[in-house]
Amino acid sequence: MDSQAGHRFEVRVEGVYFDAAHFATFGGDCEPLHGHSYQVAAEISGPLTEQSWVVNFIELKSILRGLSRELDHRFMLQLDSRLLRIDDTGGAWEIGTPGDRTYSFPKTDVAALPIDNTTAERLAEWFGNRLARSLAERGATNLESITVEVWEGPGQRASHRQHGLPIE
């Protein structure tokens, strides 16, 4: 086959789901505790490898499913929040909100994330960063961009795109 120089391709996987609880902060306040049935999709672009693919679909979906399992049926805690008071008590996370609500969650029920807010935008960024690292660890050197979409429900989604991969 002719050289693929200059050719760019995209692959996309969908249908990765997880259920999780959270409360986002905004405007100096905090939403009530609630949950969503999330859906995640990823699109990766770049030139073809020697195997004539951008990335293996099965591997890509497996990575997304593994990341989703880390969040599934857990409370997603934004560890870098500028508004929440967060204390690690050893076996639990104690969380105080701007509205003076206090929550205590066993650590086993919490996905403690290095993000400032559990919005769909930040979750898409978290998935994208983790996906980029995982693919780089598996030897992917052809990736030019990764776009991750996170749906909080029907008709409600956010996306994040990274360029210049792999991410360090």
N, C-alpha and C. Protein backbone atom coordinates (compact mmCIF):
# COMPACT_ATOMS: atom_id res chain seq x y z
N MET A 1 0.85 -1.19 0.00
CA MET A 1 0.00 0.00 0.00
C MET A 1 0.89 1.24 0.00
N ASP A 2 0.41 2.32 -0.58
CA ASP A 2 1.17 3.57 -0.62
C ASP A 2 1.38 4.13 0.77
N SER A 3 2.38 4.97 0.88
CA SER A 3 2.68 5.63 2.16
C SER A 3 1.47 6.38 2.67
N GLN A 4 1.30 6.38 3.96
CA GLN A 4 0.18 7.08 4.60
C GLN A 4 0.57 8.48 5.06
N ALA A 5 1.75 8.96 4.66
CA ALA A 5 2.22 10.28 5.09
C ALA A 5 1.16 11.33 4.80
N GLY A 6 0.84 12.11 5.81
CA GLY A 6 -0.14 13.18 5.65
C GLY A 6 -1.58 12.73 5.85
N HIS A 7 -1.82 11.43 5.91
CA HIS A 7 -3.18 10.93 6.11
C HIS A 7 -3.48 10.84 7.60
N ARG A 8 -4.65 11.28 7.98
CA ARG A 8 -5.09 11.22 9.37
C ARG A 8 -6.40 10.44 9.43
N PHE A 9 -6.52 9.65 10.45
CA PHE A 9 -7.70 8.83 10.63
C PHE A 9 -8.26 9.04 12.02
N GLU A 10 -9.53 8.71 12.20
CA GLU A 10 -10.17 8.82 13.51
C GLU A 10 -10.88 7.52 13.82
N VAL A 11 -10.79 7.11 15.07
CA VAL A 11 -11.58 5.97 15.56
C VAL A 11 -12.40 6.46 16.75
N ARG A 12 -13.54 5.85 16.95
CA ARG A 12 -14.45 6.26 18.02
C ARG A 12 -15.07 5.03 18.65
N VAL A 13 -15.13 5.02 19.98
CA VAL A 13 -15.86 3.98 20.70
C VAL A 13 -16.89 4.66 21.60
N GLU A 14 -18.03 4.00 21.72
CA GLU A 14 -19.12 4.49 22.56
C GLU A 14 -19.64 3.32 23.37
N GLY A 15 -20.64 3.59 24.18
CA GLY A 15 -21.30 2.51 24.89
C GLY A 15 -20.62 2.07 26.17
N VAL A 16 -19.86 2.97 26.80
CA VAL A 16 -19.25 2.68 28.09
C VAL A 16 -20.06 3.44 29.13
N TYR A 17 -20.55 2.74 30.15
CA TYR A 17 -21.48 3.34 31.11
C TYR A 17 -21.00 3.16 32.54
N PHE A 18 -21.42 4.07 33.40
CA PHE A 18 -21.23 3.91 34.84
C PHE A 18 -22.26 4.78 35.55
N ASP A 19 -22.57 4.40 36.78
CA ASP A 19 -23.49 5.16 37.63
C ASP A 19 -22.69 5.68 38.82
N ALA A 20 -22.87 6.97 39.12
CA ALA A 20 -22.12 7.54 40.23
C ALA A 20 -22.87 8.72 40.82
N ALA A 21 -22.52 9.04 42.06
CA ALA A 21 -23.09 10.19 42.77
C ALA A 21 -22.05 11.31 42.81
N HIS A 22 -22.55 12.54 42.95
CA HIS A 22 -21.65 13.69 43.08
C HIS A 22 -22.45 14.90 43.52
N PHE A 23 -21.76 15.96 43.82
CA PHE A 23 -22.35 17.29 43.88
C PHE A 23 -21.32 18.27 43.35
N ALA A 24 -21.72 18.98 42.32
CA ALA A 24 -20.84 19.99 41.74
C ALA A 24 -20.97 21.28 42.56
N THR A 25 -19.92 22.07 42.53
CA THR A 25 -19.95 23.38 43.19
C THR A 25 -20.00 24.45 42.10
N PHE A 26 -20.72 25.52 42.39
CA PHE A 26 -20.82 26.62 41.43
C PHE A 26 -21.34 27.85 42.14
N GLY A 27 -20.87 29.00 41.72
CA GLY A 27 -21.35 30.26 42.29
C GLY A 27 -21.18 30.35 43.79
N GLY A 28 -20.16 29.70 44.34
CA GLY A 28 -19.94 29.73 45.78
C GLY A 28 -20.85 28.80 46.56
N ASP A 29 -21.61 27.96 45.87
CA ASP A 29 -22.55 27.06 46.53
C ASP A 29 -22.30 25.63 46.04
N CYS A 30 -23.11 24.72 46.54
CA CYS A 30 -22.96 23.31 46.24
C CYS A 30 -24.33 22.71 45.92
N GLU A 31 -24.39 21.92 44.87
CA GLU A 31 -25.63 21.22 44.54
C GLU A 31 -25.95 20.20 45.63
N PRO A 32 -27.20 19.79 45.74
CA PRO A 32 -27.51 18.65 46.62
C PRO A 32 -26.88 17.37 46.06
N LEU A 33 -26.60 16.44 46.93
CA LEU A 33 -26.07 15.14 46.52
C LEU A 33 -27.07 14.47 45.58
N HIS A 34 -26.59 13.99 44.44
CA HIS A 34 -27.44 13.29 43.47
C HIS A 34 -26.55 12.42 42.59
N GLY A 35 -27.17 11.66 41.71
CA GLY A 35 -26.40 10.77 40.85
C GLY A 35 -26.86 10.82 39.42
N HIS A 36 -26.05 10.22 38.56
CA HIS A 36 -26.34 10.14 37.13
C HIS A 36 -25.98 8.75 36.63
N SER A 37 -26.61 8.38 35.53
CA SER A 37 -26.17 7.24 34.73
C SER A 37 -25.37 7.84 33.59
N TYR A 38 -24.05 7.76 33.71
CA TYR A 38 -23.14 8.40 32.77
C TYR A 38 -22.85 7.49 31.59
N GLN A 39 -22.54 8.10 30.46
CA GLN A 39 -22.03 7.39 29.30
C GLN A 39 -20.75 8.08 28.87
N VAL A 40 -19.78 7.29 28.43
CA VAL A 40 -18.48 7.82 28.00
C VAL A 40 -18.20 7.34 26.59
N ALA A 41 -17.64 8.23 25.77
CA ALA A 41 -17.19 7.90 24.43
C ALA A 41 -15.83 8.54 24.23
N ALA A 42 -15.02 7.94 23.36
CA ALA A 42 -13.71 8.50 23.06
C ALA A 42 -13.46 8.43 21.56
N GLU A 43 -12.82 9.48 21.06
CA GLU A 43 -12.42 9.54 19.66
C GLU A 43 -10.93 9.87 19.62
N ILE A 44 -10.20 9.09 18.85
CA ILE A 44 -8.75 9.26 18.77
C ILE A 44 -8.37 9.46 17.31
N SER A 45 -7.49 10.44 17.07
CA SER A 45 -7.04 10.68 15.71
C SER A 45 -5.52 10.56 15.61
N GLY A 46 -5.08 10.21 14.42
CA GLY A 46 -3.66 10.10 14.14
C GLY A 46 -3.44 9.29 12.88
N PRO A 47 -2.19 9.14 12.49
CA PRO A 47 -1.88 8.30 11.33
C PRO A 47 -2.01 6.82 11.70
N LEU A 48 -2.08 5.98 10.70
CA LEU A 48 -2.17 4.54 10.93
C LEU A 48 -0.83 3.98 11.39
N THR A 49 -0.91 2.95 12.22
CA THR A 49 0.28 2.21 12.63
C THR A 49 0.61 1.18 11.54
N GLU A 50 1.64 0.39 11.78
CA GLU A 50 2.00 -0.68 10.84
C GLU A 50 0.88 -1.70 10.70
N GLN A 51 0.01 -1.80 11.71
CA GLN A 51 -1.13 -2.72 11.65
C GLN A 51 -2.33 -2.12 10.93
N SER A 52 -2.16 -0.90 10.37
CA SER A 52 -3.21 -0.20 9.63
C SER A 52 -4.40 0.19 10.49
N TRP A 53 -4.10 0.59 11.75
CA TRP A 53 -5.13 1.14 12.61
C TRP A 53 -4.54 2.30 13.40
N VAL A 54 -5.41 3.17 13.90
CA VAL A 54 -4.96 4.24 14.79
C VAL A 54 -4.72 3.63 16.16
N VAL A 55 -5.70 2.88 16.63
CA VAL A 55 -5.61 2.17 17.89
C VAL A 55 -6.60 1.01 17.82
N ASN A 56 -6.31 -0.05 18.53
CA ASN A 56 -7.17 -1.22 18.57
C ASN A 56 -8.47 -0.87 19.30
N PHE A 57 -9.62 -1.04 18.64
CA PHE A 57 -10.91 -0.74 19.24
C PHE A 57 -11.12 -1.48 20.56
N ILE A 58 -10.77 -2.76 20.57
CA ILE A 58 -11.00 -3.58 21.75
C ILE A 58 -10.18 -3.06 22.93
N GLU A 59 -8.92 -2.71 22.68
CA GLU A 59 -8.06 -2.18 23.73
C GLU A 59 -8.59 -0.84 24.24
N LEU A 60 -8.99 0.03 23.31
CA LEU A 60 -9.52 1.35 23.68
C LEU A 60 -10.75 1.22 24.56
N LYS A 61 -11.68 0.38 24.15
CA LYS A 61 -12.91 0.21 24.94
C LYS A 61 -12.61 -0.44 26.29
N SER A 62 -11.67 -1.35 26.32
CA SER A 62 -11.28 -1.99 27.57
C SER A 62 -10.71 -0.98 28.56
N ILE A 63 -9.87 -0.06 28.07
CA ILE A 63 -9.31 0.97 28.95
C ILE A 63 -10.43 1.85 29.49
N LEU A 64 -11.35 2.29 28.64
CA LEU A 64 -12.46 3.14 29.10
C LEU A 64 -13.34 2.40 30.12
N ARG A 65 -13.58 1.12 29.87
CA ARG A 65 -14.39 0.35 30.83
C ARG A 65 -13.68 0.24 32.18
N GLY A 66 -12.36 0.04 32.16
CA GLY A 66 -11.60 -0.03 33.41
C GLY A 66 -11.67 1.28 34.17
N LEU A 67 -11.53 2.41 33.47
CA LEU A 67 -11.63 3.71 34.12
C LEU A 67 -13.04 3.93 34.69
N SER A 68 -14.05 3.53 33.94
CA SER A 68 -15.43 3.67 34.40
C SER A 68 -15.69 2.84 35.64
N ARG A 69 -15.09 1.65 35.72
CA ARG A 69 -15.25 0.81 36.92
C ARG A 69 -14.70 1.49 38.17
N GLU A 70 -13.68 2.33 38.00
CA GLU A 70 -13.14 3.06 39.16
C GLU A 70 -14.17 4.03 39.75
N LEU A 71 -15.11 4.47 38.94
CA LEU A 71 -16.13 5.44 39.37
C LEU A 71 -17.48 4.81 39.65
N ASP A 72 -17.73 3.65 39.09
CA ASP A 72 -19.06 3.04 39.12
C ASP A 72 -19.53 2.78 40.55
N HIS A 73 -20.74 3.25 40.83
CA HIS A 73 -21.40 3.08 42.12
C HIS A 73 -20.59 3.66 43.28
N ARG A 74 -19.97 4.79 43.01
CA ARG A 74 -19.21 5.50 44.04
C ARG A 74 -19.62 6.96 44.05
N PHE A 75 -19.23 7.63 45.12
CA PHE A 75 -19.35 9.08 45.20
C PHE A 75 -18.07 9.66 44.62
N MET A 76 -18.19 10.56 43.66
CA MET A 76 -17.02 11.18 43.04
C MET A 76 -16.68 12.46 43.81
N LEU A 77 -15.53 12.44 44.45
CA LEU A 77 -15.08 13.56 45.28
C LEU A 77 -14.03 14.38 44.55
N GLN A 78 -14.28 15.67 44.42
CA GLN A 78 -13.33 16.59 43.80
C GLN A 78 -12.31 17.04 44.84
N LEU A 79 -11.18 16.33 44.90
CA LEU A 79 -10.17 16.61 45.93
C LEU A 79 -9.59 18.02 45.84
N ASP A 80 -9.56 18.61 44.66
CA ASP A 80 -8.97 19.94 44.48
C ASP A 80 -10.00 21.07 44.55
N SER A 81 -11.14 20.80 45.16
CA SER A 81 -12.20 21.80 45.27
C SER A 81 -11.71 23.05 45.99
N ARG A 82 -12.14 24.19 45.49
CA ARG A 82 -11.82 25.46 46.13
C ARG A 82 -12.88 25.83 47.18
N LEU A 83 -13.98 25.07 47.23
CA LEU A 83 -15.08 25.42 48.13
C LEU A 83 -15.36 24.39 49.22
N LEU A 84 -15.09 23.14 48.97
CA LEU A 84 -15.40 22.11 49.96
C LEU A 84 -14.31 22.03 51.02
N ARG A 85 -14.73 21.69 52.24
CA ARG A 85 -13.79 21.36 53.32
C ARG A 85 -13.69 19.84 53.34
N ILE A 86 -12.51 19.33 53.04
CA ILE A 86 -12.33 17.89 52.89
C ILE A 86 -11.29 17.41 53.89
N ASP A 87 -11.70 16.41 54.71
CA ASP A 87 -10.79 15.83 55.69
C ASP A 87 -10.72 14.32 55.48
N ASP A 88 -9.50 13.82 55.43
CA ASP A 88 -9.25 12.39 55.34
C ASP A 88 -9.10 11.89 56.78
N THR A 89 -10.09 11.13 57.26
CA THR A 89 -10.05 10.66 58.65
C THR A 89 -9.45 9.27 58.79
N GLY A 90 -8.89 8.76 57.70
CA GLY A 90 -8.32 7.42 57.73
C GLY A 90 -9.22 6.43 57.02
N GLY A 91 -10.39 6.20 57.57
CA GLY A 91 -11.32 5.25 56.96
C GLY A 91 -12.46 5.91 56.22
N ALA A 92 -12.53 7.25 56.29
CA ALA A 92 -13.64 7.96 55.66
C ALA A 92 -13.18 9.33 55.16
N TRP A 93 -13.99 9.88 54.29
CA TRP A 93 -13.84 11.27 53.85
C TRP A 93 -14.93 12.08 54.52
N GLU A 94 -14.57 13.11 55.24
CA GLU A 94 -15.51 14.05 55.84
C GLU A 94 -15.54 15.29 54.95
N ILE A 95 -16.73 15.68 54.51
CA ILE A 95 -16.85 16.77 53.54
C ILE A 95 -17.84 17.79 54.07
N GLY A 96 -17.41 19.04 54.10
CA GLY A 96 -18.28 20.15 54.48
C GLY A 96 -18.52 21.03 53.27
N THR A 97 -19.75 21.46 53.09
CA THR A 97 -20.12 22.28 51.93
C THR A 97 -20.27 23.74 52.34
N PRO A 98 -20.28 24.66 51.36
CA PRO A 98 -20.50 26.07 51.69
C PRO A 98 -21.84 26.31 52.39
N GLY A 99 -22.83 25.46 52.16
CA GLY A 99 -24.13 25.59 52.80
C GLY A 99 -24.20 24.90 54.15
N ASP A 100 -23.05 24.55 54.72
CA ASP A 100 -22.93 23.91 56.03
C ASP A 100 -23.56 22.53 56.11
N ARG A 101 -23.69 21.86 54.98
CA ARG A 101 -24.04 20.44 55.03
C ARG A 101 -22.75 19.67 55.27
N THR A 102 -22.84 18.57 55.98
CA THR A 102 -21.68 17.74 56.25
C THR A 102 -21.99 16.31 55.82
N TYR A 103 -21.03 15.73 55.11
CA TYR A 103 -21.18 14.35 54.66
C TYR A 103 -19.98 13.55 55.16
N SER A 104 -20.22 12.27 55.42
CA SER A 104 -19.15 11.34 55.75
C SER A 104 -19.35 10.10 54.88
N PHE A 105 -18.33 9.78 54.09
CA PHE A 105 -18.40 8.64 53.18
C PHE A 105 -17.26 7.68 53.50
N PRO A 106 -17.56 6.39 53.64
CA PRO A 106 -16.47 5.42 53.78
C PRO A 106 -15.57 5.50 52.55
N LYS A 107 -14.27 5.40 52.73
CA LYS A 107 -13.35 5.50 51.61
C LYS A 107 -13.65 4.50 50.51
N THR A 108 -14.15 3.32 50.88
CA THR A 108 -14.45 2.30 49.88
C THR A 108 -15.57 2.72 48.94
N ASP A 109 -16.37 3.70 49.34
CA ASP A 109 -17.49 4.19 48.52
C ASP A 109 -17.16 5.46 47.75
N VAL A 110 -15.90 5.88 47.77
CA VAL A 110 -15.51 7.16 47.18
C VAL A 110 -14.45 6.97 46.10
N ALA A 111 -14.64 7.67 45.00
CA ALA A 111 -13.59 7.82 43.99
C ALA A 111 -13.04 9.23 44.18
N ALA A 112 -11.89 9.31 44.83
CA ALA A 112 -11.26 10.61 45.12
C ALA A 112 -10.47 11.04 43.89
N LEU A 113 -10.95 12.09 43.23
CA LEU A 113 -10.38 12.50 41.95
C LEU A 113 -9.57 13.79 42.08
N PRO A 114 -8.45 13.89 41.37
CA PRO A 114 -7.62 15.09 41.42
C PRO A 114 -8.15 16.17 40.49
N ILE A 115 -9.39 16.60 40.73
CA ILE A 115 -10.04 17.63 39.93
C ILE A 115 -10.67 18.65 40.87
N ASP A 116 -11.01 19.82 40.34
CA ASP A 116 -11.57 20.88 41.18
C ASP A 116 -13.08 20.87 41.25
N ASN A 117 -13.73 20.11 40.38
CA ASN A 117 -15.19 20.06 40.37
C ASN A 117 -15.61 18.80 39.61
N THR A 118 -16.72 18.20 40.00
CA THR A 118 -17.18 16.98 39.34
C THR A 118 -18.18 17.30 38.24
N THR A 119 -17.87 18.30 37.44
CA THR A 119 -18.69 18.62 36.27
C THR A 119 -18.37 17.62 35.16
N ALA A 120 -19.26 17.51 34.20
CA ALA A 120 -19.01 16.62 33.06
C ALA A 120 -17.75 17.05 32.31
N GLU A 121 -17.46 18.36 32.28
CA GLU A 121 -16.26 18.84 31.61
C GLU A 121 -15.00 18.31 32.28
N ARG A 122 -14.95 18.41 33.61
CA ARG A 122 -13.76 17.93 34.33
C ARG A 122 -13.65 16.41 34.28
N LEU A 123 -14.80 15.72 34.29
CA LEU A 123 -14.75 14.26 34.17
C LEU A 123 -14.22 13.86 32.80
N ALA A 124 -14.63 14.56 31.75
CA ALA A 124 -14.11 14.27 30.41
C ALA A 124 -12.60 14.49 30.36
N GLU A 125 -12.14 15.55 31.00
CA GLU A 125 -10.70 15.83 31.06
C GLU A 125 -9.97 14.72 31.82
N TRP A 126 -10.53 14.28 32.95
CA TRP A 126 -9.92 13.21 33.75
C TRP A 126 -9.82 11.94 32.91
N PHE A 127 -10.91 11.56 32.25
CA PHE A 127 -10.89 10.37 31.39
C PHE A 127 -9.83 10.53 30.30
N GLY A 128 -9.78 11.69 29.66
CA GLY A 128 -8.83 11.92 28.57
C GLY A 128 -7.39 11.80 29.03
N ASN A 129 -7.06 12.39 30.18
CA ASN A 129 -5.70 12.31 30.71
C ASN A 129 -5.31 10.87 31.03
N ARG A 130 -6.21 10.17 31.69
CA ARG A 130 -5.92 8.77 32.05
C ARG A 130 -5.82 7.89 30.81
N LEU A 131 -6.68 8.13 29.84
CA LEU A 131 -6.65 7.36 28.59
C LEU A 131 -5.35 7.61 27.84
N ALA A 132 -4.92 8.86 27.75
CA ALA A 132 -3.67 9.20 27.06
C ALA A 132 -2.48 8.50 27.72
N ARG A 133 -2.43 8.54 29.05
CA ARG A 133 -1.33 7.88 29.76
C ARG A 133 -1.34 6.37 29.53
N SER A 134 -2.52 5.79 29.59
CA SER A 134 -2.64 4.35 29.43
C SER A 134 -2.21 3.91 28.03
N LEU A 135 -2.62 4.65 27.02
CA LEU A 135 -2.24 4.31 25.65
C LEU A 135 -0.73 4.52 25.44
N ALA A 136 -0.18 5.58 26.01
CA ALA A 136 1.27 5.83 25.91
C ALA A 136 2.06 4.69 26.58
N GLU A 137 1.57 4.23 27.74
CA GLU A 137 2.22 3.12 28.43
C GLU A 137 2.19 1.84 27.61
N ARG A 138 1.19 1.72 26.74
CA ARG A 138 1.08 0.54 25.88
C ARG A 138 1.84 0.72 24.57
N GLY A 139 2.58 1.84 24.44
CA GLY A 139 3.45 2.04 23.29
C GLY A 139 2.86 2.86 22.15
N ALA A 140 1.70 3.44 22.32
CA ALA A 140 1.11 4.26 21.25
C ALA A 140 1.93 5.54 21.07
N THR A 141 2.43 5.74 19.87
CA THR A 141 3.21 6.95 19.57
C THR A 141 2.61 7.74 18.42
N ASN A 142 1.53 7.27 17.84
CA ASN A 142 0.94 7.89 16.67
C ASN A 142 -0.26 8.79 16.98
N LEU A 143 -0.61 8.95 18.25
CA LEU A 143 -1.84 9.67 18.60
C LEU A 143 -1.63 11.18 18.50
N GLU A 144 -2.53 11.83 17.81
CA GLU A 144 -2.46 13.29 17.66
C GLU A 144 -3.47 14.01 18.52
N SER A 145 -4.63 13.40 18.71
CA SER A 145 -5.62 14.00 19.62
C SER A 145 -6.51 12.93 20.20
N ILE A 146 -7.00 13.22 21.39
CA ILE A 146 -7.99 12.38 22.06
C ILE A 146 -9.12 13.29 22.48
N THR A 147 -10.33 12.91 22.10
CA THR A 147 -11.52 13.63 22.54
C THR A 147 -12.36 12.65 23.35
N VAL A 148 -12.73 13.06 24.54
CA VAL A 148 -13.60 12.24 25.38
C VAL A 148 -14.88 13.01 25.64
N GLU A 149 -16.00 12.33 25.50
CA GLU A 149 -17.31 12.90 25.81
C GLU A 149 -17.89 12.18 27.02
N VAL A 150 -18.52 12.94 27.90
CA VAL A 150 -19.19 12.38 29.06
C VAL A 150 -20.62 12.91 29.07
N TRP A 151 -21.58 12.00 29.04
CA TRP A 151 -22.99 12.35 29.12
C TRP A 151 -23.44 12.17 30.57
N GLU A 152 -24.13 13.16 31.12
CA GLU A 152 -24.76 13.03 32.43
C GLU A 152 -26.16 12.45 32.29
N GLY A 153 -26.67 12.47 31.10
CA GLY A 153 -28.00 11.96 30.80
C GLY A 153 -28.30 12.28 29.36
N PRO A 154 -29.47 11.85 28.86
CA PRO A 154 -29.83 12.12 27.47
C PRO A 154 -29.81 13.62 27.16
N GLY A 155 -29.15 13.97 26.07
CA GLY A 155 -29.14 15.35 25.62
C GLY A 155 -28.26 16.29 26.44
N GLN A 156 -27.40 15.74 27.28
CA GLN A 156 -26.60 16.56 28.20
C GLN A 156 -25.20 15.97 28.29
N ARG A 157 -24.25 16.60 27.55
CA ARG A 157 -22.90 16.05 27.52
C ARG A 157 -21.86 17.16 27.44
N ALA A 158 -20.64 16.82 27.82
CA ALA A 158 -19.50 17.72 27.69
C ALA A 158 -18.36 16.92 27.08
N SER A 159 -17.44 17.63 26.43
CA SER A 159 -16.29 16.94 25.84
C SER A 159 -15.01 17.70 26.14
N HIS A 160 -13.91 16.98 26.04
CA HIS A 160 -12.58 17.56 26.23
C HIS A 160 -11.66 16.96 25.18
N ARG A 161 -10.88 17.82 24.50
CA ARG A 161 -9.94 17.37 23.47
C ARG A 161 -8.52 17.76 23.86
N GLN A 162 -7.62 16.80 23.72
CA GLN A 162 -6.19 17.02 23.95
C GLN A 162 -5.45 16.85 22.64
N HIS A 163 -4.48 17.69 22.40
CA HIS A 163 -3.64 17.59 21.20
C HIS A 163 -2.20 17.35 21.62
N GLY A 164 -1.39 16.97 20.66
CA GLY A 164 0.04 16.82 20.93
C GLY A 164 0.36 15.68 21.85
N LEU A 165 -0.18 14.52 21.59
CA LEU A 165 0.01 13.36 22.44
C LEU A 165 1.30 12.63 22.10
N PRO A 166 1.81 11.77 22.95
CA PRO A 166 1.21 11.39 24.22
C PRO A 166 1.47 12.42 25.31
N ILE A 167 0.56 12.43 26.26
CA ILE A 167 0.64 13.33 27.41
C ILE A 167 1.67 12.76 28.39
N GLU A 168 2.50 13.59 28.92
CA GLU A 168 3.48 13.16 29.93
C GLU A 168 2.81 13.06 31.28
